[in-house]
Amino acid sequence: MGYKNAGSVFPADLLEVIQQYIDGEYIYIPRKAENKRRWGEVKNSCQYIQERNEIIFSQYRNGISVRDIANCNYLSPKTIYKILADRKNQG
């Protein structure tokens, strides 16, 4: 998300109307519905986390302790248990 100066984006008359509602403060203008993207879509974060979670589940099935998996992945044991539960529920 980037910030733009409203004075350089909006026509003066529209800017005056907006200033009647909010003057000198930040405002978030949401994307149009057709332009929305799912979380992780831009930087492939979602795919990275899915792959990481698959590796964690594989490590667990191979007998590595939750504590060791957590330490190697810089996550808490509680987070590892959540990942394992999620993967077990997926089948």
PDB file of N, CA and C in Angstrom:
ATOM      1  N   MET A   1       0.854  -1.164   0.000  1.00  0.00           N
ATOM      2  CA  MET A   1       0.000   0.000   0.000  1.00  0.00           C
ATOM      3  C   MET A   1       0.897   1.223   0.000  1.00  0.00           C
ATOM      4  N   GLY A   2       0.593   2.153  -0.865  1.00  0.00           N
ATOM      5  CA  GLY A   2       1.378   3.372  -0.941  1.00  0.00           C
ATOM      6  C   GLY A   2       0.554   4.577  -0.534  1.00  0.00           C
ATOM      7  N   TYR A   3       1.241   5.614  -0.141  1.00  0.00           N
ATOM      8  CA  TYR A   3       0.583   6.855   0.229  1.00  0.00           C
ATOM      9  C   TYR A   3       0.751   7.860  -0.888  1.00  0.00           C
ATOM     10  N   LYS A   4      -0.305   8.589  -1.150  1.00  0.00           N
ATOM     11  CA  LYS A   4      -0.265   9.643  -2.156  1.00  0.00           C
ATOM     12  C   LYS A   4      -0.844  10.907  -1.540  1.00  0.00           C
ATOM     13  N   ASN A   5      -0.370  12.038  -2.005  1.00  0.00           N
ATOM     14  CA  ASN A   5      -0.898  13.319  -1.557  1.00  0.00           C
ATOM     15  C   ASN A   5      -2.229  13.546  -2.256  1.00  0.00           C
ATOM     16  N   ALA A   6      -3.291  13.680  -1.482  1.00  0.00           N
ATOM     17  CA  ALA A   6      -4.632  13.844  -2.051  1.00  0.00           C
ATOM     18  C   ALA A   6      -4.709  15.069  -2.943  1.00  0.00           C
ATOM     19  N   GLY A   7      -3.931  16.115  -2.629  1.00  0.00           N
ATOM     20  CA  GLY A   7      -3.934  17.327  -3.441  1.00  0.00           C
ATOM     21  C   GLY A   7      -3.428  17.087  -4.855  1.00  0.00           C
ATOM     22  N   SER A   8      -2.611  16.069  -5.029  1.00  0.00           N
ATOM     23  CA  SER A   8      -2.095  15.780  -6.374  1.00  0.00           C
ATOM     24  C   SER A   8      -2.910  14.704  -7.078  1.00  0.00           C
ATOM     25  N   VAL A   9      -3.889  14.107  -6.382  1.00  0.00           N
ATOM     26  CA  VAL A   9      -4.679  13.031  -6.967  1.00  0.00           C
ATOM     27  C   VAL A   9      -6.110  13.479  -7.283  1.00  0.00           C
ATOM     28  N   PHE A  10      -6.746  14.158  -6.329  1.00  0.00           N
ATOM     29  CA  PHE A  10      -8.144  14.539  -6.484  1.00  0.00           C
ATOM     30  C   PHE A  10      -8.283  15.947  -7.054  1.00  0.00           C
ATOM     31  N   PRO A  11      -9.358  16.185  -7.800  1.00  0.00           N
ATOM     32  CA  PRO A  11      -9.650  17.558  -8.208  1.00  0.00           C
ATOM     33  C   PRO A  11      -9.941  18.412  -6.975  1.00  0.00           C
ATOM     34  N   ALA A  12      -9.685  19.711  -7.049  1.00  0.00           N
ATOM     35  CA  ALA A  12      -9.803  20.614  -5.901  1.00  0.00           C
ATOM     36  C   ALA A  12     -11.196  20.572  -5.274  1.00  0.00           C
ATOM     37  N   ASP A  13     -12.250  20.541  -6.082  1.00  0.00           N
ATOM     38  CA  ASP A  13     -13.605  20.539  -5.523  1.00  0.00           C
ATOM     39  C   ASP A  13     -13.902  19.250  -4.758  1.00  0.00           C
ATOM     40  N   LEU A  14     -13.422  18.106  -5.251  1.00  0.00           N
ATOM     41  CA  LEU A  14     -13.597  16.842  -4.542  1.00  0.00           C
ATOM     42  C   LEU A  14     -12.795  16.835  -3.249  1.00  0.00           C
ATOM     43  N   LEU A  15     -11.585  17.360  -3.290  1.00  0.00           N
ATOM     44  CA  LEU A  15     -10.737  17.435  -2.099  1.00  0.00           C
ATOM     45  C   LEU A  15     -11.409  18.265  -1.011  1.00  0.00           C
ATOM     46  N   GLU A  16     -12.052  19.360  -1.397  1.00  0.00           N
ATOM     47  CA  GLU A  16     -12.754  20.192  -0.407  1.00  0.00           C
ATOM     48  C   GLU A  16     -13.889  19.428   0.252  1.00  0.00           C
ATOM     49  N   VAL A  17     -14.602  18.624  -0.516  1.00  0.00           N
ATOM     50  CA  VAL A  17     -15.697  17.817   0.048  1.00  0.00           C
ATOM     51  C   VAL A  17     -15.134  16.783   1.019  1.00  0.00           C
ATOM     52  N   ILE A  18     -14.055  16.128   0.635  1.00  0.00           N
ATOM     53  CA  ILE A  18     -13.435  15.128   1.512  1.00  0.00           C
ATOM     54  C   ILE A  18     -12.954  15.787   2.803  1.00  0.00           C
ATOM     55  N   GLN A  19     -12.400  16.979   2.706  1.00  0.00           N
ATOM     56  CA  GLN A  19     -11.897  17.682   3.883  1.00  0.00           C
ATOM     57  C   GLN A  19     -13.015  18.058   4.856  1.00  0.00           C
ATOM     58  N   GLN A  20     -14.250  18.106   4.387  1.00  0.00           N
ATOM     59  CA  GLN A  20     -15.370  18.359   5.298  1.00  0.00           C
ATOM     60  C   GLN A  20     -15.568  17.183   6.248  1.00  0.00           C
ATOM     61  N   TYR A  21     -15.182  15.993   5.800  1.00  0.00           N
ATOM     62  CA  TYR A  21     -15.355  14.787   6.609  1.00  0.00           C
ATOM     63  C   TYR A  21     -14.095  14.414   7.379  1.00  0.00           C
ATOM     64  N   ILE A  22     -12.968  14.618   6.768  1.00  0.00           N
ATOM     65  CA  ILE A  22     -11.698  14.258   7.401  1.00  0.00           C
ATOM     66  C   ILE A  22     -10.648  15.250   6.917  1.00  0.00           C
ATOM     67  N   ASP A  23     -10.051  15.964   7.854  1.00  0.00           N
ATOM     68  CA  ASP A  23      -9.131  17.044   7.500  1.00  0.00           C
ATOM     69  C   ASP A  23      -7.757  16.782   8.094  1.00  0.00           C
ATOM     70  N   GLY A  24      -6.793  16.516   7.232  1.00  0.00           N
ATOM     71  CA  GLY A  24      -5.420  16.333   7.689  1.00  0.00           C
ATOM     72  C   GLY A  24      -5.139  15.003   8.347  1.00  0.00           C
ATOM     73  N   GLU A  25      -5.981  14.017   8.137  1.00  0.00           N
ATOM     74  CA  GLU A  25      -5.769  12.691   8.716  1.00  0.00           C
ATOM     75  C   GLU A  25      -5.610  11.680   7.595  1.00  0.00           C
ATOM     76  N   TYR A  26      -5.125  10.491   7.968  1.00  0.00           N
ATOM     77  CA  TYR A  26      -4.986   9.420   6.987  1.00  0.00           C
ATOM     78  C   TYR A  26      -6.340   8.768   6.755  1.00  0.00           C
ATOM     79  N   ILE A  27      -6.556   8.331   5.537  1.00  0.00           N
ATOM     80  CA  ILE A  27      -7.777   7.611   5.198  1.00  0.00           C
ATOM     81  C   ILE A  27      -7.390   6.463   4.272  1.00  0.00           C
ATOM     82  N   TYR A  28      -7.999   5.319   4.481  1.00  0.00           N
ATOM     83  CA  TYR A  28      -7.742   4.152   3.635  1.00  0.00           C
ATOM     84  C   TYR A  28      -8.861   4.052   2.610  1.00  0.00           C
ATOM     85  N   ILE A  29      -8.508   3.943   1.362  1.00  0.00           N
ATOM     86  CA  ILE A  29      -9.482   3.755   0.299  1.00  0.00           C
ATOM     87  C   ILE A  29      -9.326   2.319  -0.183  1.00  0.00           C
ATOM     88  N   PRO A  30     -10.327   1.474   0.073  1.00  0.00           N
ATOM     89  CA  PRO A  30     -10.206   0.059  -0.273  1.00  0.00           C
ATOM     90  C   PRO A  30     -10.206  -0.174  -1.783  1.00  0.00           C
ATOM     91  N   ARG A  31      -9.654  -1.298  -2.167  1.00  0.00           N
ATOM     92  CA  ARG A  31      -9.634  -1.688  -3.577  1.00  0.00           C
ATOM     93  C   ARG A  31     -11.048  -2.011  -4.041  1.00  0.00           C
ATOM     94  N   LYS A  32     -11.264  -1.899  -5.337  1.00  0.00           N
ATOM     95  CA  LYS A  32     -12.508  -2.370  -5.930  1.00  0.00           C
ATOM     96  C   LYS A  32     -12.536  -3.886  -5.790  1.00  0.00           C
ATOM     97  N   ALA A  33     -13.737  -4.448  -5.694  1.00  0.00           N
ATOM     98  CA  ALA A  33     -13.884  -5.894  -5.489  1.00  0.00           C
ATOM     99  C   ALA A  33     -13.165  -6.692  -6.569  1.00  0.00           C
ATOM    100  N   GLU A  34     -13.217  -6.229  -7.805  1.00  0.00           N
ATOM    101  CA  GLU A  34     -12.589  -6.985  -8.891  1.00  0.00           C
ATOM    102  C   GLU A  34     -11.070  -6.898  -8.885  1.00  0.00           C
ATOM    103  N   ASN A  35     -10.506  -5.979  -8.104  1.00  0.00           N
ATOM    104  CA  ASN A  35      -9.058  -5.835  -8.024  1.00  0.00           C
ATOM    105  C   ASN A  35      -8.452  -6.442  -6.768  1.00  0.00           C
ATOM    106  N   LYS A  36      -9.292  -6.992  -5.896  1.00  0.00           N
ATOM    107  CA  LYS A  36      -8.787  -7.557  -4.646  1.00  0.00           C
ATOM    108  C   LYS A  36      -7.984  -8.812  -4.916  1.00  0.00           C
ATOM    109  N   ARG A  37      -6.961  -9.013  -4.098  1.00  0.00           N
ATOM    110  CA  ARG A  37      -6.119 -10.205  -4.185  1.00  0.00           C
ATOM    111  C   ARG A  37      -6.156 -10.932  -2.856  1.00  0.00           C
ATOM    112  N   ARG A  38      -6.027 -12.230  -2.925  1.00  0.00           N
ATOM    113  CA  ARG A  38      -5.994 -13.015  -1.698  1.00  0.00           C
ATOM    114  C   ARG A  38      -4.667 -12.797  -0.995  1.00  0.00           C
ATOM    115  N   TRP A  39      -4.648 -13.051   0.323  1.00  0.00           N
ATOM    116  CA  TRP A  39      -3.430 -12.891   1.111  1.00  0.00           C
ATOM    117  C   TRP A  39      -2.349 -13.794   0.533  1.00  0.00           C
ATOM    118  N   GLY A  40      -1.144 -13.243   0.402  1.00  0.00           N
ATOM    119  CA  GLY A  40       0.002 -14.002  -0.052  1.00  0.00           C
ATOM    120  C   GLY A  40       0.111 -14.161  -1.552  1.00  0.00           C
ATOM    121  N   GLU A  41      -0.831 -13.616  -2.298  1.00  0.00           N
ATOM    122  CA  GLU A  41      -0.857 -13.788  -3.744  1.00  0.00           C
ATOM    123  C   GLU A  41       0.270 -13.022  -4.435  1.00  0.00           C
ATOM    124  N   VAL A  42       0.602 -11.861  -3.943  1.00  0.00           N
ATOM    125  CA  VAL A  42       1.579 -11.005  -4.608  1.00  0.00           C
ATOM    126  C   VAL A  42       2.997 -11.547  -4.447  1.00  0.00           C
ATOM    127  N   LYS A  43       3.360 -11.919  -3.243  1.00  0.00           N
ATOM    128  CA  LYS A  43       4.735 -12.350  -2.966  1.00  0.00           C
ATOM    129  C   LYS A  43       4.862 -13.852  -2.759  1.00  0.00           C
ATOM    130  N   ASN A  44       3.823 -14.612  -3.088  1.00  0.00           N
ATOM    131  CA  ASN A  44       3.811 -16.068  -2.942  1.00  0.00           C
ATOM    132  C   ASN A  44       4.021 -16.528  -1.501  1.00  0.00           C
ATOM    133  N   SER A  45       3.639 -15.691  -0.534  1.00  0.00           N
ATOM    134  CA  SER A  45       3.785 -16.061   0.878  1.00  0.00           C
ATOM    135  C   SER A  45       2.946 -17.279   1.219  1.00  0.00           C
ATOM    136  N   CYS A  46       1.759 -17.336   0.660  1.00  0.00           N
ATOM    137  CA  CYS A  46       0.862 -18.448   0.944  1.00  0.00           C
ATOM    138  C   CYS A  46       1.492 -19.769   0.502  1.00  0.00           C
ATOM    139  N   GLN A  47       2.056 -19.791  -0.685  1.00  0.00           N
ATOM    140  CA  GLN A  47       2.699 -20.996  -1.203  1.00  0.00           C
ATOM    141  C   GLN A  47       3.900 -21.385  -0.334  1.00  0.00           C
ATOM    142  N   TYR A  48       4.687 -20.395   0.086  1.00  0.00           N
ATOM    143  CA  TYR A  48       5.845 -20.659   0.935  1.00  0.00           C
ATOM    144  C   TYR A  48       5.409 -21.317   2.248  1.00  0.00           C
ATOM    145  N   ILE A  49       4.361 -20.792   2.867  1.00  0.00           N
ATOM    146  CA  ILE A  49       3.897 -21.324   4.151  1.00  0.00           C
ATOM    147  C   ILE A  49       3.334 -22.725   3.976  1.00  0.00           C
ATOM    148  N   GLN A  50       2.620 -22.980   2.886  1.00  0.00           N
ATOM    149  CA  GLN A  50       2.108 -24.328   2.639  1.00  0.00           C
ATOM    150  C   GLN A  50       3.251 -25.331   2.492  1.00  0.00           C
ATOM    151  N   GLU A  51       4.281 -24.943   1.762  1.00  0.00           N
ATOM    152  CA  GLU A  51       5.438 -25.828   1.598  1.00  0.00           C
ATOM    153  C   GLU A  51       6.151 -26.050   2.926  1.00  0.00           C
ATOM    154  N   ARG A  52       6.319 -24.973   3.708  1.00  0.00           N
ATOM    155  CA  ARG A  52       6.962 -25.094   5.018  1.00  0.00           C
ATOM    156  C   ARG A  52       6.162 -26.030   5.915  1.00  0.00           C
ATOM    157  N   ASN A  53       4.835 -25.879   5.914  1.00  0.00           N
ATOM    158  CA  ASN A  53       3.994 -26.710   6.770  1.00  0.00           C
ATOM    159  C   ASN A  53       4.037 -28.180   6.347  1.00  0.00           C
ATOM    160  N   GLU A  54       4.148 -28.425   5.063  1.00  0.00           N
ATOM    161  CA  GLU A  54       4.274 -29.802   4.574  1.00  0.00           C
ATOM    162  C   GLU A  54       5.583 -30.423   5.063  1.00  0.00           C
ATOM    163  N   ILE A  55       6.657 -29.656   5.040  1.00  0.00           N
ATOM    164  CA  ILE A  55       7.952 -30.127   5.539  1.00  0.00           C
ATOM    165  C   ILE A  55       7.863 -30.401   7.041  1.00  0.00           C
ATOM    166  N   ILE A  56       7.226 -29.505   7.779  1.00  0.00           N
ATOM    167  CA  ILE A  56       7.056 -29.693   9.230  1.00  0.00           C
ATOM    168  C   ILE A  56       6.290 -30.979   9.501  1.00  0.00           C
ATOM    169  N   PHE A  57       5.215 -31.223   8.766  1.00  0.00           N
ATOM    170  CA  PHE A  57       4.422 -32.440   8.965  1.00  0.00           C
ATOM    171  C   PHE A  57       5.249 -33.679   8.642  1.00  0.00           C
ATOM    172  N   SER A  58       6.035 -33.595   7.589  1.00  0.00           N
ATOM    173  CA  SER A  58       6.905 -34.710   7.210  1.00  0.00           C
ATOM    174  C   SER A  58       7.948 -34.980   8.294  1.00  0.00           C
ATOM    175  N   GLN A  59       8.537 -33.929   8.840  1.00  0.00           N
ATOM    176  CA  GLN A  59       9.516 -34.093   9.917  1.00  0.00           C
ATOM    177  C   GLN A  59       8.884 -34.768  11.128  1.00  0.00           C
ATOM    178  N   TYR A  60       7.671 -34.359  11.457  1.00  0.00           N
ATOM    179  CA  TYR A  60       6.961 -34.940  12.597  1.00  0.00           C
ATOM    180  C   TYR A  60       6.690 -36.434  12.357  1.00  0.00           C
ATOM    181  N   ARG A  61       6.251 -36.761  11.143  1.00  0.00           N
ATOM    182  CA  ARG A  61       5.986 -38.174  10.822  1.00  0.00           C
ATOM    183  C   ARG A  61       7.260 -39.013  10.862  1.00  0.00           C
ATOM    184  N   ASN A  62       8.396 -38.373  10.620  1.00  0.00           N
ATOM    185  CA  ASN A  62       9.684 -39.080  10.660  1.00  0.00           C
ATOM    186  C   ASN A  62      10.276 -39.152  12.070  1.00  0.00           C
ATOM    187  N   GLY A  63       9.524 -38.721  13.064  1.00  0.00           N
ATOM    188  CA  GLY A  63       9.938 -38.900  14.446  1.00  0.00           C
ATOM    189  C   GLY A  63      10.680 -37.746  15.088  1.00  0.00           C
ATOM    190  N   ILE A  64      10.780 -36.630  14.421  1.00  0.00           N
ATOM    191  CA  ILE A  64      11.450 -35.464  15.023  1.00  0.00           C
ATOM    192  C   ILE A  64      10.488 -34.832  16.029  1.00  0.00           C
ATOM    193  N   SER A  65      11.015 -34.463  17.178  1.00  0.00           N
ATOM    194  CA  SER A  65      10.162 -33.926  18.241  1.00  0.00           C
ATOM    195  C   SER A  65       9.626 -32.545  17.874  1.00  0.00           C
ATOM    196  N   VAL A  66       8.491 -32.220  18.453  1.00  0.00           N
ATOM    197  CA  VAL A  66       7.866 -30.914  18.220  1.00  0.00           C
ATOM    198  C   VAL A  66       8.810 -29.800  18.650  1.00  0.00           C
ATOM    199  N   ARG A  67       9.477 -29.999  19.764  1.00  0.00           N
ATOM    200  CA  ARG A  67      10.410 -28.972  20.260  1.00  0.00           C
ATOM    201  C   ARG A  67      11.543 -28.719  19.259  1.00  0.00           C
ATOM    202  N   ASP A  68      12.098 -29.809  18.688  1.00  0.00           N
ATOM    203  CA  ASP A  68      13.177 -29.648  17.709  1.00  0.00           C
ATOM    204  C   ASP A  68      12.679 -28.986  16.419  1.00  0.00           C
ATOM    205  N   ILE A  69      11.492 -29.379  15.974  1.00  0.00           N
ATOM    206  CA  ILE A  69      10.912 -28.758  14.775  1.00  0.00           C
ATOM    207  C   ILE A  69      10.689 -27.269  15.014  1.00  0.00           C
ATOM    208  N   ALA A  70      10.169 -26.938  16.194  1.00  0.00           N
ATOM    209  CA  ALA A  70       9.913 -25.531  16.533  1.00  0.00           C
ATOM    210  C   ALA A  70      11.208 -24.731  16.529  1.00  0.00           C
ATOM    211  N   ASN A  71      12.253 -25.275  17.148  1.00  0.00           N
ATOM    212  CA  ASN A  71      13.537 -24.571  17.200  1.00  0.00           C
ATOM    213  C   ASN A  71      14.133 -24.369  15.811  1.00  0.00           C
ATOM    214  N   CYS A  72      14.044 -25.376  14.964  1.00  0.00           N
ATOM    215  CA  CYS A  72      14.618 -25.270  13.609  1.00  0.00           C
ATOM    216  C   CYS A  72      13.877 -24.260  12.736  1.00  0.00           C
ATOM    217  N   ASN A  73      12.591 -24.083  13.003  1.00  0.00           N
ATOM    218  CA  ASN A  73      11.773 -23.193  12.172  1.00  0.00           C
ATOM    219  C   ASN A  73      11.489 -21.852  12.842  1.00  0.00           C
ATOM    220  N   TYR A  74      12.089 -21.625  13.999  1.00  0.00           N
ATOM    221  CA  TYR A  74      11.891 -20.372  14.746  1.00  0.00           C
ATOM    222  C   TYR A  74      10.409 -20.113  15.028  1.00  0.00           C
ATOM    223  N   LEU A  75       9.716 -21.184  15.416  1.00  0.00           N
ATOM    224  CA  LEU A  75       8.297 -21.113  15.765  1.00  0.00           C
ATOM    225  C   LEU A  75       8.124 -21.682  17.167  1.00  0.00           C
ATOM    226  N   SER A  76       6.999 -21.384  17.782  1.00  0.00           N
ATOM    227  CA  SER A  76       6.722 -21.940  19.102  1.00  0.00           C
ATOM    228  C   SER A  76       6.164 -23.354  18.945  1.00  0.00           C
ATOM    229  N   PRO A  77       6.330 -24.190  19.977  1.00  0.00           N
ATOM    230  CA  PRO A  77       5.723 -25.529  19.919  1.00  0.00           C
ATOM    231  C   PRO A  77       4.211 -25.459  19.711  1.00  0.00           C
ATOM    232  N   LYS A  78       3.569 -24.454  20.292  1.00  0.00           N
ATOM    233  CA  LYS A  78       2.118 -24.289  20.127  1.00  0.00           C
ATOM    234  C   LYS A  78       1.766 -24.098  18.649  1.00  0.00           C
ATOM    235  N   THR A  79       2.565 -23.319  17.935  1.00  0.00           N
ATOM    236  CA  THR A  79       2.334 -23.108  16.502  1.00  0.00           C
ATOM    237  C   THR A  79       2.532 -24.402  15.734  1.00  0.00           C
ATOM    238  N   ILE A  80       3.538 -25.180  16.105  1.00  0.00           N
ATOM    239  CA  ILE A  80       3.787 -26.466  15.446  1.00  0.00           C
ATOM    240  C   ILE A  80       2.594 -27.394  15.648  1.00  0.00           C
ATOM    241  N   TYR A  81       2.056 -27.435  16.873  1.00  0.00           N
ATOM    242  CA  TYR A  81       0.889 -28.275  17.139  1.00  0.00           C
ATOM    243  C   TYR A  81      -0.306 -27.839  16.290  1.00  0.00           C
ATOM    244  N   LYS A  82      -0.480 -26.530  16.092  1.00  0.00           N
ATOM    245  CA  LYS A  82      -1.573 -26.034  15.243  1.00  0.00           C
ATOM    246  C   LYS A  82      -1.382 -26.477  13.795  1.00  0.00           C
ATOM    247  N   ILE A  83      -0.142 -26.393  13.316  1.00  0.00           N
ATOM    248  CA  ILE A  83       0.158 -26.820  11.941  1.00  0.00           C
ATOM    249  C   ILE A  83      -0.111 -28.306  11.786  1.00  0.00           C
ATOM    250  N   LEU A  84       0.321 -29.091  12.760  1.00  0.00           N
ATOM    251  CA  LEU A  84       0.122 -30.544  12.700  1.00  0.00           C
ATOM    252  C   LEU A  84      -1.365 -30.893  12.713  1.00  0.00           C
ATOM    253  N   ALA A  85      -2.128 -30.233  13.563  1.00  0.00           N
ATOM    254  CA  ALA A  85      -3.561 -30.483  13.628  1.00  0.00           C
ATOM    255  C   ALA A  85      -4.236 -30.139  12.305  1.00  0.00           C
ATOM    256  N   ASP A  86      -3.830 -29.031  11.711  1.00  0.00           N
ATOM    257  CA  ASP A  86      -4.386 -28.603  10.434  1.00  0.00           C
ATOM    258  C   ASP A  86      -4.084 -29.632   9.342  1.00  0.00           C
ATOM    259  N   ARG A  87      -2.845 -30.093   9.297  1.00  0.00           N
ATOM    260  CA  ARG A  87      -2.438 -31.059   8.279  1.00  0.00           C
ATOM    261  C   ARG A  87      -3.164 -32.406   8.476  1.00  0.00           C
ATOM    262  N   LYS A  88      -3.363 -32.812   9.736  1.00  0.00           N
ATOM    263  CA  LYS A  88      -4.070 -34.071  10.003  1.00  0.00           C
ATOM    264  C   LYS A  88      -5.525 -33.961   9.560  1.00  0.00           C
ATOM    265  N   ASN A  89      -6.134 -32.793   9.767  1.00  0.00           N
ATOM    266  CA  ASN A  89      -7.533 -32.597   9.379  1.00  0.00           C
ATOM    267  C   ASN A  89      -7.716 -32.548   7.864  1.00  0.00           C
ATOM    268  N   GLN A  90      -6.659 -32.184   7.151  1.00  0.00           N
ATOM    269  CA  GLN A  90      -6.744 -32.138   5.694  1.00  0.00           C
ATOM    270  C   GLN A  90      -6.705 -33.525   5.071  1.00  0.00           C
ATOM    271  N   GLY A  91      -6.241 -34.472   5.831  1.00  0.00           N
ATOM    272  CA  GLY A  91      -6.234 -35.851   5.324  1.00  0.00           C
ATOM    273  C   GLY A  91      -4.928 -36.372   5.185  1.00  0.00           C
TER     274      GLY A  91
END
